[in-house]
Amino acid sequence: MAVTQEFVDYIIEQIDNAGVITAKKMFGGYHVYSDGKLFALVIDNKLFVKITDSGKEFAKGVTQVPAFPKTKILSFLIEDQLEDREWLSTLIRITVAELPEPEPKKKKLKAKSKK
């Protein structure tokens, strides 16, 4: 099943006070960012949030699964809590606070033209 834009928009609307939330279409799904920090994936209209130590403490009992088959990296699969705007926003704020700052993008060098 593909990801619908409506689902991605809904996820973004549900998150309050966690920075500027954006989504970028990537490889059939979406990467979700807060102020440039990648914190979640949306795949098959399911939300997978990165696991952090503080996030584990807050989200006790939330299912941890790989976002992709054959990967060993686990993510929180957020299902029942999607409707709970306050809970979801809190999890995202906690998660983003613990993630490292994104690497600065390297500037592309322009090729010199021959004269």
Protein backbone atom coordinates (compact mmCIF):
# COMPACT_ATOMS: atom_id res chain seq x y z
CA MET A 1 0.00 0.00 0.00
CA ALA A 2 1.30 3.43 -0.86
CA VAL A 3 1.51 6.44 1.40
CA THR A 4 -1.23 9.00 0.90
CA GLN A 5 -0.54 12.71 1.12
CA GLU A 6 -3.61 13.02 3.35
CA PHE A 7 -2.04 10.70 5.94
CA VAL A 8 1.26 12.60 5.90
CA ASP A 9 -0.59 15.92 6.26
CA TYR A 10 -2.57 14.48 9.18
CA ILE A 11 0.63 13.40 10.97
CA ILE A 12 2.15 16.87 10.52
CA GLU A 13 -1.04 18.54 11.81
CA GLN A 14 -1.06 16.31 14.90
CA ILE A 15 2.38 17.47 16.11
CA ASP A 16 2.47 20.67 18.19
CA ASN A 17 5.39 22.65 19.61
CA ALA A 18 8.11 20.37 18.26
CA GLY A 19 9.80 22.75 15.83
CA VAL A 20 9.04 23.15 12.15
CA ILE A 21 7.70 19.79 10.98
CA THR A 22 8.26 18.91 7.33
CA ALA A 23 8.03 15.76 5.24
CA LYS A 24 10.01 14.80 2.18
CA LYS A 25 9.00 12.05 -0.22
CA MET A 26 11.68 9.37 -0.34
CA PHE A 27 11.70 5.85 -1.81
CA GLY A 28 7.95 5.27 -1.76
CA GLY A 29 7.52 6.71 1.73
CA TYR A 30 8.23 9.96 3.55
CA HIS A 31 10.98 11.15 5.87
CA VAL A 32 9.61 13.42 8.60
CA TYR A 33 11.80 16.17 10.06
CA SER A 34 11.71 18.66 12.91
CA ASP A 35 13.93 21.67 12.22
CA GLY A 36 15.98 19.53 9.86
CA LYS A 37 16.32 16.53 12.21
CA LEU A 38 14.99 13.27 10.79
CA PHE A 39 12.82 11.71 13.50
CA ALA A 40 10.32 9.49 11.70
CA LEU A 41 9.35 7.61 8.57
CA VAL A 42 5.92 7.16 7.06
CA ILE A 43 5.62 3.89 5.17
CA ASP A 44 2.38 2.25 4.00
CA ASN A 45 0.40 4.88 5.93
CA LYS A 46 2.12 3.89 9.18
CA LEU A 47 4.23 6.17 11.38
CA PHE A 48 7.62 4.86 12.55
CA VAL A 49 9.42 7.09 15.08
CA LYS A 50 13.11 6.76 15.93
CA ILE A 51 13.76 5.18 19.30
CA THR A 52 15.76 7.16 21.86
CA ASP A 53 16.45 6.39 25.53
CA SER A 54 14.10 9.13 26.71
CA GLY A 55 11.51 8.07 24.16
CA LYS A 56 11.62 4.50 25.51
CA GLU A 57 10.98 5.79 29.00
CA PHE A 58 8.02 7.89 27.84
CA ALA A 59 6.49 5.41 25.36
CA LYS A 60 6.51 2.27 27.47
CA GLY A 61 4.49 -0.47 25.84
CA VAL A 62 4.60 0.95 22.31
CA THR A 63 5.43 -1.70 19.71
CA GLN A 64 9.01 -1.66 18.42
CA VAL A 65 9.40 -3.04 14.90
CA PRO A 66 11.67 -2.54 11.89
CA ALA A 67 10.29 0.04 9.46
CA PHE A 68 11.60 -2.03 6.56
CA PRO A 69 11.72 -5.80 6.14
CA LYS A 70 15.17 -7.34 6.61
CA THR A 71 16.50 -4.44 8.69
CA LYS A 72 17.66 -4.80 12.27
CA ILE A 73 16.97 -1.18 13.24
CA LEU A 74 13.80 -0.89 15.30
CA SER A 75 11.40 2.05 15.43
CA PHE A 76 8.30 2.83 17.46
CA LEU A 77 5.21 1.91 15.42
CA ILE A 78 2.68 4.56 16.39
CA GLU A 79 -0.87 3.36 15.80
CA ASP A 80 -3.29 3.76 18.70
CA GLN A 81 -1.71 7.06 19.80
CA LEU A 82 -2.08 8.84 16.44
CA GLU A 83 -5.34 10.39 17.61
CA ASP A 84 -3.78 11.59 20.88
CA ARG A 85 -2.23 14.86 19.74
CA GLU A 86 -0.74 15.73 23.14
CA TRP A 87 0.89 12.31 23.61
CA LEU A 88 2.29 12.22 20.07
CA SER A 89 3.61 15.78 20.31
CA THR A 90 5.31 15.00 23.61
CA LEU A 91 6.97 11.88 22.17
CA ILE A 92 8.24 13.86 19.19
CA ARG A 93 9.62 16.68 21.38
CA ILE A 94 11.39 14.14 23.61
CA THR A 95 12.79 12.27 20.62
CA VAL A 96 13.99 15.34 18.73
CA ALA A 97 15.68 16.78 21.84
CA GLU A 98 17.83 13.65 22.10
CA LEU A 99 18.78 13.39 18.42
CA PRO A 100 22.06 14.91 17.21
CA GLU A 101 22.05 18.03 15.10
CA PRO A 102 22.00 17.28 11.36
CA GLU A 103 25.29 17.45 9.52
CA PRO A 104 25.74 20.71 7.62
CA LYS A 105 25.23 20.27 3.93
CA LYS A 106 28.39 20.50 1.89
CA LYS A 107 28.42 23.18 -0.76
CA LYS A 108 28.81 21.90 -4.28
CA LEU A 109 31.80 23.26 -6.09
CA LYS A 110 31.06 24.82 -9.42
CA ALA A 111 33.08 23.48 -12.30
CA LYS A 112 35.30 26.10 -13.86
CA SER A 113 34.61 26.68 -17.50
CA LYS A 114 37.48 26.72 -19.96
CA LYS A 115 38.02 29.97 -21.81
